[in-house]
Amino acid sequence: MPTFHPQNASKVPGKIAFVAAQCIVCCLVFVLGLLMLLATLCLIIEYFPWFLAIGLLMLIATTPELQQGISAAVERKKREYESKSTQTSEPPVAEPEAHMTPERPIKMSLRSGRLAQKK
């Protein structure tokens, strides 16, 4: 089967419209791509100081000295918290359910559907 080429589009009925549609779609995609690139560049130029600040903060945060200082501070805080929790150990609190149980057991009355106490 011969391959289709735009030069012999006039010989095949309906192919001219197909080629034109392909051309239009291709041009639209290209133009939309250029517009998206332009919009991205405009955003980068407009918010450049923010990008610069975030980039510098990320660069500073990844330095080994700062990471070691942060991990040392975290360990120090962890030790302080553990020492405070062992010093201020409170007496255990009784469970609230222990004193809320009734003296007599409660049973469900099947006929009335109400709770009734055994005598």
PDB file of N, CA and C in Angstrom:
ATOM      1  N   MET A   1       0.847  -1.176   0.000  1.00  0.00           N
ATOM      2  CA  MET A   1       0.000   0.000   0.000  1.00  0.00           C
ATOM      3  C   MET A   1       0.894   1.240   0.000  1.00  0.00           C
ATOM      4  N   PRO A   2       0.687   2.153  -0.931  1.00  0.00           N
ATOM      5  CA  PRO A   2       1.554   3.344  -0.995  1.00  0.00           C
ATOM      6  C   PRO A   2       1.294   4.271   0.196  1.00  0.00           C
ATOM      7  N   THR A   3       2.363   4.911   0.634  1.00  0.00           N
ATOM      8  CA  THR A   3       2.225   5.847   1.755  1.00  0.00           C
ATOM      9  C   THR A   3       1.642   7.154   1.254  1.00  0.00           C
ATOM     10  N   PHE A   4       0.922   7.796   2.128  1.00  0.00           N
ATOM     11  CA  PHE A   4       0.264   9.046   1.761  1.00  0.00           C
ATOM     12  C   PHE A   4       1.234  10.205   1.903  1.00  0.00           C
ATOM     13  N   HIS A   5       1.252  11.088   0.939  1.00  0.00           N
ATOM     14  CA  HIS A   5       2.099  12.279   0.966  1.00  0.00           C
ATOM     15  C   HIS A   5       1.226  13.471   0.621  1.00  0.00           C
ATOM     16  N   PRO A   6       1.476  14.643   1.234  1.00  0.00           N
ATOM     17  CA  PRO A   6       0.629  15.813   0.950  1.00  0.00           C
ATOM     18  C   PRO A   6       0.596  16.221  -0.520  1.00  0.00           C
ATOM     19  N   GLN A   7       1.636  15.867  -1.309  1.00  0.00           N
ATOM     20  CA  GLN A   7       1.656  16.277  -2.721  1.00  0.00           C
ATOM     21  C   GLN A   7       0.577  15.574  -3.533  1.00  0.00           C
ATOM     22  N   ASN A   8       0.284  14.333  -3.198  1.00  0.00           N
ATOM     23  CA  ASN A   8      -0.758  13.638  -3.944  1.00  0.00           C
ATOM     24  C   ASN A   8      -2.072  13.612  -3.160  1.00  0.00           C
ATOM     25  N   ALA A   9      -2.299  14.619  -2.325  1.00  0.00           N
ATOM     26  CA  ALA A   9      -3.535  14.698  -1.549  1.00  0.00           C
ATOM     27  C   ALA A   9      -4.727  14.976  -2.442  1.00  0.00           C
ATOM     28  N   SER A  10      -4.504  15.664  -3.548  1.00  0.00           N
ATOM     29  CA  SER A  10      -5.632  15.984  -4.427  1.00  0.00           C
ATOM     30  C   SER A  10      -6.175  14.739  -5.122  1.00  0.00           C
ATOM     31  N   LYS A  11      -5.373  13.680  -5.211  1.00  0.00           N
ATOM     32  CA  LYS A  11      -5.817  12.459  -5.875  1.00  0.00           C
ATOM     33  C   LYS A  11      -6.717  11.613  -4.977  1.00  0.00           C
ATOM     34  N   VAL A  12      -6.594  11.801  -3.657  1.00  0.00           N
ATOM     35  CA  VAL A  12      -7.388  11.012  -2.714  1.00  0.00           C
ATOM     36  C   VAL A  12      -8.491  11.907  -2.163  1.00  0.00           C
ATOM     37  N   PRO A  13      -9.769  11.521  -2.314  1.00  0.00           N
ATOM     38  CA  PRO A  13     -10.847  12.387  -1.824  1.00  0.00           C
ATOM     39  C   PRO A  13     -10.872  12.462  -0.293  1.00  0.00           C
ATOM     40  N   GLY A  14     -11.058  13.671   0.219  1.00  0.00           N
ATOM     41  CA  GLY A  14     -11.143  13.887   1.663  1.00  0.00           C
ATOM     42  C   GLY A  14      -9.814  14.032   2.355  1.00  0.00           C
ATOM     43  N   LYS A  15      -8.730  13.827   1.636  1.00  0.00           N
ATOM     44  CA  LYS A  15      -7.423  13.902   2.275  1.00  0.00           C
ATOM     45  C   LYS A  15      -6.930  15.336   2.409  1.00  0.00           C
ATOM     46  N   ILE A  16      -7.421  16.249   1.572  1.00  0.00           N
ATOM     47  CA  ILE A  16      -6.983  17.650   1.674  1.00  0.00           C
ATOM     48  C   ILE A  16      -7.411  18.226   3.016  1.00  0.00           C
ATOM     49  N   ALA A  17      -8.648  17.946   3.403  1.00  0.00           N
ATOM     50  CA  ALA A  17      -9.130  18.437   4.690  1.00  0.00           C
ATOM     51  C   ALA A  17      -8.336  17.814   5.835  1.00  0.00           C
ATOM     52  N   PHE A  18      -7.973  16.540   5.683  1.00  0.00           N
ATOM     53  CA  PHE A  18      -7.199  15.863   6.717  1.00  0.00           C
ATOM     54  C   PHE A  18      -5.824  16.497   6.884  1.00  0.00           C
ATOM     55  N   VAL A  19      -5.169  16.782   5.764  1.00  0.00           N
ATOM     56  CA  VAL A  19      -3.846  17.410   5.806  1.00  0.00           C
ATOM     57  C   VAL A  19      -3.946  18.814   6.386  1.00  0.00           C
ATOM     58  N   ALA A  20      -4.987  19.554   6.015  1.00  0.00           N
ATOM     59  CA  ALA A  20      -5.165  20.904   6.547  1.00  0.00           C
ATOM     60  C   ALA A  20      -5.394  20.859   8.055  1.00  0.00           C
ATOM     61  N   ALA A  21      -6.187  19.895   8.502  1.00  0.00           N
ATOM     62  CA  ALA A  21      -6.446  19.772   9.937  1.00  0.00           C
ATOM     63  C   ALA A  21      -5.167  19.421  10.682  1.00  0.00           C
ATOM     64  N   GLN A  22      -4.365  18.532  10.106  1.00  0.00           N
ATOM     65  CA  GLN A  22      -3.092  18.188  10.730  1.00  0.00           C
ATOM     66  C   GLN A  22      -2.192  19.410  10.839  1.00  0.00           C
ATOM     67  N   CYS A  23      -2.147  20.203   9.799  1.00  0.00           N
ATOM     68  CA  CYS A  23      -1.302  21.396   9.779  1.00  0.00           C
ATOM     69  C   CYS A  23      -1.758  22.393  10.836  1.00  0.00           C
ATOM     70  N   ILE A  24      -3.075  22.588  10.926  1.00  0.00           N
ATOM     71  CA  ILE A  24      -3.610  23.548  11.900  1.00  0.00           C
ATOM     72  C   ILE A  24      -3.322  23.083  13.323  1.00  0.00           C
ATOM     73  N   VAL A  25      -3.539  21.798  13.586  1.00  0.00           N
ATOM     74  CA  VAL A  25      -3.293  21.268  14.932  1.00  0.00           C
ATOM     75  C   VAL A  25      -1.817  21.389  15.292  1.00  0.00           C
ATOM     76  N   CYS A  26      -0.951  21.081  14.348  1.00  0.00           N
ATOM     77  CA  CYS A  26       0.481  21.168  14.609  1.00  0.00           C
ATOM     78  C   CYS A  26       0.890  22.606  14.920  1.00  0.00           C
ATOM     79  N   CYS A  27       0.389  23.549  14.146  1.00  0.00           N
ATOM     80  CA  CYS A  27       0.710  24.958  14.383  1.00  0.00           C
ATOM     81  C   CYS A  27       0.172  25.427  15.734  1.00  0.00           C
ATOM     82  N   LEU A  28      -1.045  25.003  16.081  1.00  0.00           N
ATOM     83  CA  LEU A  28      -1.618  25.392  17.376  1.00  0.00           C
ATOM     84  C   LEU A  28      -0.798  24.847  18.541  1.00  0.00           C
ATOM     85  N   VAL A  29      -0.372  23.601  18.429  1.00  0.00           N
ATOM     86  CA  VAL A  29       0.443  23.012  19.496  1.00  0.00           C
ATOM     87  C   VAL A  29       1.763  23.760  19.624  1.00  0.00           C
ATOM     88  N   PHE A  30       2.365  24.105  18.508  1.00  0.00           N
ATOM     89  CA  PHE A  30       3.627  24.846  18.533  1.00  0.00           C
ATOM     90  C   PHE A  30       3.443  26.217  19.176  1.00  0.00           C
ATOM     91  N   VAL A  31       2.384  26.928  18.790  1.00  0.00           N
ATOM     92  CA  VAL A  31       2.132  28.263  19.343  1.00  0.00           C
ATOM     93  C   VAL A  31       1.821  28.178  20.835  1.00  0.00           C
ATOM     94  N   LEU A  32       1.025  27.178  21.238  1.00  0.00           N
ATOM     95  CA  LEU A  32       0.727  27.021  22.664  1.00  0.00           C
ATOM     96  C   LEU A  32       1.990  26.704  23.463  1.00  0.00           C
ATOM     97  N   GLY A  33       2.871  25.907  22.892  1.00  0.00           N
ATOM     98  CA  GLY A  33       4.138  25.622  23.558  1.00  0.00           C
ATOM     99  C   GLY A  33       4.969  26.875  23.743  1.00  0.00           C
ATOM    100  N   LEU A  34       5.020  27.717  22.708  1.00  0.00           N
ATOM    101  CA  LEU A  34       5.760  28.979  22.835  1.00  0.00           C
ATOM    102  C   LEU A  34       5.136  29.886  23.894  1.00  0.00           C
ATOM    103  N   LEU A  35       3.798  29.938  23.930  1.00  0.00           N
ATOM    104  CA  LEU A  35       3.130  30.766  24.941  1.00  0.00           C
ATOM    105  C   LEU A  35       3.408  30.259  26.350  1.00  0.00           C
ATOM    106  N   MET A  36       3.419  28.949  26.529  1.00  0.00           N
ATOM    107  CA  MET A  36       3.715  28.398  27.853  1.00  0.00           C
ATOM    108  C   MET A  36       5.153  28.702  28.260  1.00  0.00           C
ATOM    109  N   LEU A  37       6.069  28.621  27.314  1.00  0.00           N
ATOM    110  CA  LEU A  37       7.459  28.953  27.600  1.00  0.00           C
ATOM    111  C   LEU A  37       7.595  30.420  27.981  1.00  0.00           C
ATOM    112  N   LEU A  38       6.909  31.289  27.257  1.00  0.00           N
ATOM    113  CA  LEU A  38       6.936  32.718  27.561  1.00  0.00           C
ATOM    114  C   LEU A  38       6.340  32.998  28.941  1.00  0.00           C
ATOM    115  N   ALA A  39       5.230  32.346  29.268  1.00  0.00           N
ATOM    116  CA  ALA A  39       4.612  32.545  30.579  1.00  0.00           C
ATOM    117  C   ALA A  39       5.533  32.073  31.696  1.00  0.00           C
ATOM    118  N   THR A  40       6.210  30.961  31.482  1.00  0.00           N
ATOM    119  CA  THR A  40       7.149  30.461  32.488  1.00  0.00           C
ATOM    120  C   THR A  40       8.291  31.441  32.694  1.00  0.00           C
ATOM    121  N   LEU A  41       8.822  31.968  31.608  1.00  0.00           N
ATOM    122  CA  LEU A  41       9.907  32.945  31.731  1.00  0.00           C
ATOM    123  C   LEU A  41       9.440  34.201  32.460  1.00  0.00           C
ATOM    124  N   CYS A  42       8.215  34.651  32.160  1.00  0.00           N
ATOM    125  CA  CYS A  42       7.685  35.837  32.848  1.00  0.00           C
ATOM    126  C   CYS A  42       7.545  35.590  34.345  1.00  0.00           C
ATOM    127  N   LEU A  43       7.068  34.406  34.712  1.00  0.00           N
ATOM    128  CA  LEU A  43       6.929  34.091  36.137  1.00  0.00           C
ATOM    129  C   LEU A  43       8.283  34.033  36.826  1.00  0.00           C
ATOM    130  N   ILE A  44       9.264  33.439  36.147  1.00  0.00           N
ATOM    131  CA  ILE A  44      10.597  33.356  36.745  1.00  0.00           C
ATOM    132  C   ILE A  44      11.180  34.748  36.924  1.00  0.00           C
ATOM    133  N   ILE A  45      11.012  35.608  35.928  1.00  0.00           N
ATOM    134  CA  ILE A  45      11.548  36.970  36.035  1.00  0.00           C
ATOM    135  C   ILE A  45      10.827  37.750  37.127  1.00  0.00           C
ATOM    136  N   GLU A  46       9.494  37.574  37.217  1.00  0.00           N
ATOM    137  CA  GLU A  46       8.732  38.333  38.206  1.00  0.00           C
ATOM    138  C   GLU A  46       9.054  37.894  39.630  1.00  0.00           C
ATOM    139  N   TYR A  47       9.181  36.591  39.828  1.00  0.00           N
ATOM    140  CA  TYR A  47       9.415  36.075  41.177  1.00  0.00           C
ATOM    141  C   TYR A  47      10.864  35.666  41.388  1.00  0.00           C
ATOM    142  N   PHE A  48      11.789  36.263  40.651  1.00  0.00           N
ATOM    143  CA  PHE A  48      13.198  35.895  40.764  1.00  0.00           C
ATOM    144  C   PHE A  48      13.750  36.066  42.173  1.00  0.00           C
ATOM    145  N   PRO A  49      13.430  37.160  42.882  1.00  0.00           N
ATOM    146  CA  PRO A  49      13.968  37.280  44.251  1.00  0.00           C
ATOM    147  C   PRO A  49      13.531  36.132  45.162  1.00  0.00           C
ATOM    148  N   TRP A  50      12.299  35.665  45.003  1.00  0.00           N
ATOM    149  CA  TRP A  50      11.834  34.551  45.837  1.00  0.00           C
ATOM    150  C   TRP A  50      12.586  33.275  45.487  1.00  0.00           C
ATOM    151  N   PHE A  51      12.778  33.023  44.195  1.00  0.00           N
ATOM    152  CA  PHE A  51      13.521  31.837  43.786  1.00  0.00           C
ATOM    153  C   PHE A  51      14.958  31.901  44.305  1.00  0.00           C
ATOM    154  N   LEU A  52      15.539  33.095  44.251  1.00  0.00           N
ATOM    155  CA  LEU A  52      16.904  33.267  44.733  1.00  0.00           C
ATOM    156  C   LEU A  52      16.979  33.014  46.235  1.00  0.00           C
ATOM    157  N   ALA A  53      16.024  33.572  46.985  1.00  0.00           N
ATOM    158  CA  ALA A  53      16.025  33.398  48.437  1.00  0.00           C
ATOM    159  C   ALA A  53      15.826  31.930  48.817  1.00  0.00           C
ATOM    160  N   ILE A  54      14.899  31.264  48.157  1.00  0.00           N
ATOM    161  CA  ILE A  54      14.651  29.850  48.466  1.00  0.00           C
ATOM    162  C   ILE A  54      15.874  29.011  48.104  1.00  0.00           C
ATOM    163  N   GLY A  55      16.484  29.317  46.976  1.00  0.00           N
ATOM    164  CA  GLY A  55      17.685  28.589  46.579  1.00  0.00           C
ATOM    165  C   GLY A  55      18.820  28.773  47.568  1.00  0.00           C
ATOM    166  N   LEU A  56      19.014  30.006  48.041  1.00  0.00           N
ATOM    167  CA  LEU A  56      20.071  30.248  49.032  1.00  0.00           C
ATOM    168  C   LEU A  56      19.773  29.531  50.343  1.00  0.00           C
ATOM    169  N   LEU A  57      18.508  29.552  50.772  1.00  0.00           N
ATOM    170  CA  LEU A  57      18.152  28.841  52.003  1.00  0.00           C
ATOM    171  C   LEU A  57      18.394  27.340  51.863  1.00  0.00           C
ATOM    172  N   MET A  58      18.067  26.794  50.714  1.00  0.00           N
ATOM    173  CA  MET A  58      18.308  25.363  50.502  1.00  0.00           C
ATOM    174  C   MET A  58      19.803  25.064  50.474  1.00  0.00           C
ATOM    175  N   LEU A  59      20.575  25.961  49.888  1.00  0.00           N
ATOM    176  CA  LEU A  59      22.021  25.769  49.846  1.00  0.00           C
ATOM    177  C   LEU A  59      22.615  25.827  51.248  1.00  0.00           C
ATOM    178  N   ILE A  60      22.147  26.787  52.043  1.00  0.00           N
ATOM    179  CA  ILE A  60      22.642  26.916  53.415  1.00  0.00           C
ATOM    180  C   ILE A  60      22.224  25.709  54.247  1.00  0.00           C
ATOM    181  N   ALA A  61      20.988  25.251  54.054  1.00  0.00           N
ATOM    182  CA  ALA A  61      20.477  24.139  54.867  1.00  0.00           C
ATOM    183  C   ALA A  61      21.175  22.825  54.565  1.00  0.00           C
ATOM    184  N   THR A  62      21.812  22.713  53.411  1.00  0.00           N
ATOM    185  CA  THR A  62      22.466  21.450  53.065  1.00  0.00           C
ATOM    186  C   THR A  62      23.945  21.436  53.428  1.00  0.00           C
ATOM    187  N   THR A  63      24.449  22.474  54.065  1.00  0.00           N
ATOM    188  CA  THR A  63      25.855  22.456  54.460  1.00  0.00           C
ATOM    189  C   THR A  63      26.041  21.474  55.614  1.00  0.00           C
ATOM    190  N   PRO A  64      27.134  20.724  55.626  1.00  0.00           N
ATOM    191  CA  PRO A  64      27.338  19.709  56.675  1.00  0.00           C
ATOM    192  C   PRO A  64      27.415  20.304  58.083  1.00  0.00           C
ATOM    193  N   GLU A  65      28.024  21.494  58.210  1.00  0.00           N
ATOM    194  CA  GLU A  65      28.142  22.093  59.537  1.00  0.00           C
ATOM    195  C   GLU A  65      26.767  22.386  60.129  1.00  0.00           C
ATOM    196  N   LEU A  66      25.893  22.920  59.303  1.00  0.00           N
ATOM    197  CA  LEU A  66      24.549  23.239  59.784  1.00  0.00           C
ATOM    198  C   LEU A  66      23.779  21.968  60.116  1.00  0.00           C
ATOM    199  N   GLN A  67      23.934  20.941  59.294  1.00  0.00           N
ATOM    200  CA  GLN A  67      23.237  19.684  59.575  1.00  0.00           C
ATOM    201  C   GLN A  67      23.729  19.064  60.880  1.00  0.00           C
ATOM    202  N   GLN A  68      25.030  19.144  61.143  1.00  0.00           N
ATOM    203  CA  GLN A  68      25.564  18.613  62.398  1.00  0.00           C
ATOM    204  C   GLN A  68      25.048  19.421  63.582  1.00  0.00           C
ATOM    205  N   GLY A  69      24.976  20.745  63.414  1.00  0.00           N
ATOM    206  CA  GLY A  69      24.455  21.583  64.496  1.00  0.00           C
ATOM    207  C   GLY A  69      22.994  21.288  64.785  1.00  0.00           C
ATOM    208  N   ILE A  70      22.215  21.068  63.732  1.00  0.00           N
ATOM    209  CA  ILE A  70      20.794  20.760  63.924  1.00  0.00           C
ATOM    210  C   ILE A  70      20.637  19.417  64.623  1.00  0.00           C
ATOM    211  N   SER A  71      21.403  18.406  64.194  1.00  0.00           N
ATOM    212  CA  SER A  71      21.269  17.091  64.824  1.00  0.00           C
ATOM    213  C   SER A  71      21.735  17.139  66.278  1.00  0.00           C
ATOM    214  N   ALA A  72      22.768  17.946  66.584  1.00  0.00           N
ATOM    215  CA  ALA A  72      23.211  18.081  67.974  1.00  0.00           C
ATOM    216  C   ALA A  72      22.137  18.762  68.816  1.00  0.00           C
ATOM    217  N   ALA A  73      21.488  19.779  68.269  1.00  0.00           N
ATOM    218  CA  ALA A  73      20.424  20.463  69.009  1.00  0.00           C
ATOM    219  C   ALA A  73      19.239  19.532  69.247  1.00  0.00           C
ATOM    220  N   VAL A  74      18.914  18.716  68.268  1.00  0.00           N
ATOM    221  CA  VAL A  74      17.803  17.766  68.433  1.00  0.00           C
ATOM    222  C   VAL A  74      18.134  16.751  69.518  1.00  0.00           C
ATOM    223  N   GLU A  75      19.352  16.242  69.515  1.00  0.00           N
ATOM    224  CA  GLU A  75      19.753  15.282  70.551  1.00  0.00           C
ATOM    225  C   GLU A  75      19.715  15.926  71.935  1.00  0.00           C
ATOM    226  N   ARG A  76      20.176  17.171  72.053  1.00  0.00           N
ATOM    227  CA  ARG A  76      20.167  17.871  73.339  1.00  0.00           C
ATOM    228  C   ARG A  76      18.736  18.044  73.844  1.00  0.00           C
ATOM    229  N   LYS A  77      17.827  18.461  72.956  1.00  0.00           N
ATOM    230  CA  LYS A  77      16.424  18.634  73.349  1.00  0.00           C
ATOM    231  C   LYS A  77      15.803  17.298  73.751  1.00  0.00           C
ATOM    232  N   LYS A  78      16.175  16.232  73.045  1.00  0.00           N
ATOM    233  CA  LYS A  78      15.638  14.914  73.368  1.00  0.00           C
ATOM    234  C   LYS A  78      16.091  14.489  74.765  1.00  0.00           C
ATOM    235  N   ARG A  79      17.380  14.715  75.082  1.00  0.00           N
ATOM    236  CA  ARG A  79      17.880  14.369  76.410  1.00  0.00           C
ATOM    237  C   ARG A  79      17.206  15.206  77.487  1.00  0.00           C
ATOM    238  N   GLU A  80      16.995  16.510  77.218  1.00  0.00           N
ATOM    239  CA  GLU A  80      16.312  17.366  78.192  1.00  0.00           C
ATOM    240  C   GLU A  80      14.893  16.877  78.446  1.00  0.00           C
ATOM    241  N   TYR A  81      14.202  16.500  77.394  1.00  0.00           N
ATOM    242  CA  TYR A  81      12.822  16.029  77.537  1.00  0.00           C
ATOM    243  C   TYR A  81      12.777  14.726  78.336  1.00  0.00           C
ATOM    244  N   GLU A  82      13.717  13.812  78.049  1.00  0.00           N
ATOM    245  CA  GLU A  82      13.738  12.546  78.773  1.00  0.00           C
ATOM    246  C   GLU A  82      14.072  12.756  80.240  1.00  0.00           C
ATOM    247  N   SER A  83      15.000  13.686  80.536  1.00  0.00           N
ATOM    248  CA  SER A  83      15.345  13.929  81.940  1.00  0.00           C
ATOM    249  C   SER A  83      14.174  14.580  82.679  1.00  0.00           C
ATOM    250  N   LYS A  84      13.439  15.457  82.031  1.00  0.00           N
ATOM    251  CA  LYS A  84      12.267  16.069  82.665  1.00  0.00           C
ATOM    252  C   LYS A  84      11.183  15.035  82.918  1.00  0.00           C
ATOM    253  N   SER A  85      10.990  14.131  81.986  1.00  0.00           N
ATOM    254  CA  SER A  85       9.921  13.143  82.146  1.00  0.00           C
ATOM    255  C   SER A  85      10.247  12.158  83.261  1.00  0.00           C
ATOM    256  N   THR A  86      11.536  11.862  83.492  1.00  0.00           N
ATOM    257  CA  THR A  86      11.878  10.949  84.588  1.00  0.00           C
ATOM    258  C   THR A  86      11.841  11.666  85.928  1.00  0.00           C
ATOM    259  N   GLN A  87      12.129  12.963  85.972  1.00  0.00           N
ATOM    260  CA  GLN A  87      12.111  13.707  87.235  1.00  0.00           C
ATOM    261  C   GLN A  87      10.691  13.961  87.720  1.00  0.00           C
ATOM    262  N   THR A  88       9.810  14.262  86.850  1.00  0.00           N
ATOM    263  CA  THR A  88       8.446  14.622  87.245  1.00  0.00           C
ATOM    264  C   THR A  88       7.486  13.477  86.963  1.00  0.00           C
ATOM    265  N   SER A  89       7.833  12.289  87.474  1.00  0.00           N
ATOM    266  CA  SER A  89       6.919  11.169  87.263  1.00  0.00           C
ATOM    267  C   SER A  89       5.775  11.294  88.259  1.00  0.00           C
ATOM    268  N   GLU A  90       4.582  11.341  87.758  1.00  0.00           N
ATOM    269  CA  GLU A  90       3.396  11.503  88.588  1.00  0.00           C
ATOM    270  C   GLU A  90       2.899  10.136  89.033  1.00  0.00           C
ATOM    271  N   PRO A  91       2.208  10.077  90.180  1.00  0.00           N
ATOM    272  CA  PRO A  91       1.663   8.783  90.607  1.00  0.00           C
ATOM    273  C   PRO A  91       0.612   8.316  89.610  1.00  0.00           C
ATOM    274  N   PRO A  92       0.510   7.024  89.434  1.00  0.00           N
ATOM    275  CA  PRO A  92      -0.462   6.531  88.459  1.00  0.00           C
ATOM    276  C   PRO A  92      -1.887   6.869  88.879  1.00  0.00           C
ATOM    277  N   VAL A  93      -2.674   7.251  87.920  1.00  0.00           N
ATOM    278  CA  VAL A  93      -4.056   7.631  88.170  1.00  0.00           C
ATOM    279  C   VAL A  93      -4.926   6.387  88.033  1.00  0.00           C
ATOM    280  N   ALA A  94      -5.850   6.217  88.997  1.00  0.00           N
ATOM    281  CA  ALA A  94      -6.743   5.063  88.944  1.00  0.00           C
ATOM    282  C   ALA A  94      -7.667   5.191  87.747  1.00  0.00           C
ATOM    283  N   GLU A  95      -8.021   4.065  87.192  1.00  0.00           N
ATOM    284  CA  GLU A  95      -8.902   4.088  86.033  1.00  0.00           C
ATOM    285  C   GLU A  95     -10.286   4.555  86.455  1.00  0.00           C
ATOM    286  N   PRO A  96     -10.931   5.402  85.689  1.00  0.00           N
ATOM    287  CA  PRO A  96     -12.245   5.908  86.084  1.00  0.00           C
ATOM    288  C   PRO A  96     -13.325   4.838  86.071  1.00  0.00           C
ATOM    289  N   GLU A  97     -13.105   3.754  85.344  1.00  0.00           N
ATOM    290  CA  GLU A  97     -14.126   2.720  85.263  1.00  0.00           C
ATOM    291  C   GLU A  97     -14.216   1.913  86.550  1.00  0.00           C
ATOM    292  N   ALA A  98     -13.142   1.887  87.349  1.00  0.00           N
ATOM    293  CA  ALA A  98     -13.127   1.057  88.545  1.00  0.00           C
ATOM    294  C   ALA A  98     -14.171   1.512  89.564  1.00  0.00           C
ATOM    295  N   HIS A  99     -14.362   2.798  89.755  1.00  0.00           N
ATOM    296  CA  HIS A  99     -15.317   3.268  90.759  1.00  0.00           C
ATOM    297  C   HIS A  99     -16.685   3.567  90.160  1.00  0.00           C
ATOM    298  N   MET A 100     -16.853   3.374  88.863  1.00  0.00           N
ATOM    299  CA  MET A 100     -18.139   3.664  88.249  1.00  0.00           C
ATOM    300  C   MET A 100     -18.997   2.415  88.074  1.00  0.00           C
ATOM    301  N   THR A 101     -18.468   1.259  88.413  1.00  0.00           N
ATOM    302  CA  THR A 101     -19.267   0.046  88.250  1.00  0.00           C
ATOM    303  C   THR A 101     -20.317  -0.025  89.352  1.00  0.00           C
ATOM    304  N   PRO A 102     -21.531  -0.429  89.042  1.00  0.00           N
ATOM    305  CA  PRO A 102     -22.590  -0.498  90.064  1.00  0.00           C
ATOM    306  C   PRO A 102     -22.372  -1.681  91.004  1.00  0.00           C
ATOM    307  N   GLU A 103     -23.012  -1.589  92.179  1.00  0.00           N
ATOM    308  CA  GLU A 103     -22.879  -2.677  93.148  1.00  0.00           C
ATOM    309  C   GLU A 103     -23.568  -3.931  92.631  1.00  0.00           C
ATOM    310  N   ARG A 104     -24.732  -3.738  92.034  1.00  0.00           N
ATOM    311  CA  ARG A 104     -25.494  -4.870  91.517  1.00  0.00           C
ATOM    312  C   ARG A 104     -25.335  -4.926  89.995  1.00  0.00           C
ATOM    313  N   PRO A 105     -25.233  -6.106  89.444  1.00  0.00           N
ATOM    314  CA  PRO A 105     -25.090  -6.190  87.985  1.00  0.00           C
ATOM    315  C   PRO A 105     -26.363  -5.754  87.272  1.00  0.00           C
ATOM    316  N   ILE A 106     -26.199  -5.209  86.103  1.00  0.00           N
ATOM    317  CA  ILE A 106     -27.330  -4.744  85.310  1.00  0.00           C
ATOM    318  C   ILE A 106     -27.626  -5.792  84.249  1.00  0.00           C
ATOM    319  N   LYS A 107     -28.893  -6.140  84.109  1.00  0.00           N
ATOM    320  CA  LYS A 107     -29.255  -7.072  83.044  1.00  0.00           C
ATOM    321  C   LYS A 107     -30.316  -6.426  82.172  1.00  0.00           C
ATOM    322  N   MET A 108     -30.386  -6.860  80.971  1.00  0.00           N
ATOM    323  CA  MET A 108     -31.349  -6.309  80.022  1.00  0.00           C
ATOM    324  C   MET A 108     -32.618  -7.140  80.091  1.00  0.00           C
ATOM    325  N   SER A 109     -33.714  -6.461  80.268  1.00  0.00           N
ATOM    326  CA  SER A 109     -35.000  -7.149  80.275  1.00  0.00           C
ATOM    327  C   SER A 109     -35.424  -7.324  78.828  1.00  0.00           C
ATOM    328  N   LEU A 110     -35.666  -8.553  78.439  1.00  0.00           N
ATOM    329  CA  LEU A 110     -36.004  -8.824  77.050  1.00  0.00           C
ATOM    330  C   LEU A 110     -37.416  -8.380  76.701  1.00  0.00           C
ATOM    331  N   ARG A 111     -38.343  -8.423  77.690  1.00  0.00           N
ATOM    332  CA  ARG A 111     -39.725  -8.082  77.384  1.00  0.00           C
ATOM    333  C   ARG A 111     -39.920  -6.580  77.220  1.00  0.00           C
ATOM    334  N   SER A 112     -39.400  -5.807  78.149  1.00  0.00           N
ATOM    335  CA  SER A 112     -39.666  -4.370  78.093  1.00  0.00           C
ATOM    336  C   SER A 112     -38.608  -3.620  77.298  1.00  0.00           C
ATOM    337  N   GLY A 113     -37.436  -4.205  77.154  1.00  0.00           N
ATOM    338  CA  GLY A 113     -36.370  -3.528  76.437  1.00  0.00           C
ATOM    339  C   GLY A 113     -35.674  -2.480  77.283  1.00  0.00           C
ATOM    340  N   ARG A 114     -35.971  -2.468  78.600  1.00  0.00           N
ATOM    341  CA  ARG A 114     -35.329  -1.495  79.490  1.00  0.00           C
ATOM    342  C   ARG A 114     -34.280  -2.189  80.340  1.00  0.00           C
ATOM    343  N   LEU A 115     -33.392  -1.352  80.895  1.00  0.00           N
ATOM    344  CA  LEU A 115     -32.401  -1.893  81.817  1.00  0.00           C
ATOM    345  C   LEU A 115     -33.061  -2.128  83.166  1.00  0.00           C
ATOM    346  N   ALA A 116     -32.772  -3.247  83.762  1.00  0.00           N
ATOM    347  CA  ALA A 116     -33.331  -3.549  85.084  1.00  0.00           C
ATOM    348  C   ALA A 116     -32.217  -4.098  85.953  1.00  0.00           C
ATOM    349  N   GLN A 117     -32.226  -3.741  87.234  1.00  0.00           N
ATOM    350  CA  GLN A 117     -31.211  -4.231  88.156  1.00  0.00           C
ATOM    351  C   GLN A 117     -31.722  -5.489  88.843  1.00  0.00           C
ATOM    352  N   LYS A 118     -30.810  -6.448  89.031  1.00  0.00           N
ATOM    353  CA  LYS A 118     -31.162  -7.673  89.753  1.00  0.00           C
ATOM    354  C   LYS A 118     -31.308  -7.351  91.220  1.00  0.00           C
ATOM    355  N   LYS A 119     -32.269  -8.003  91.879  1.00  0.00           N
ATOM    356  CA  LYS A 119     -32.438  -7.787  93.324  1.00  0.00           C
ATOM    357  C   LYS A 119     -31.860  -8.935  94.086  1.00  0.00           C
TER     358      LYS A 119
END
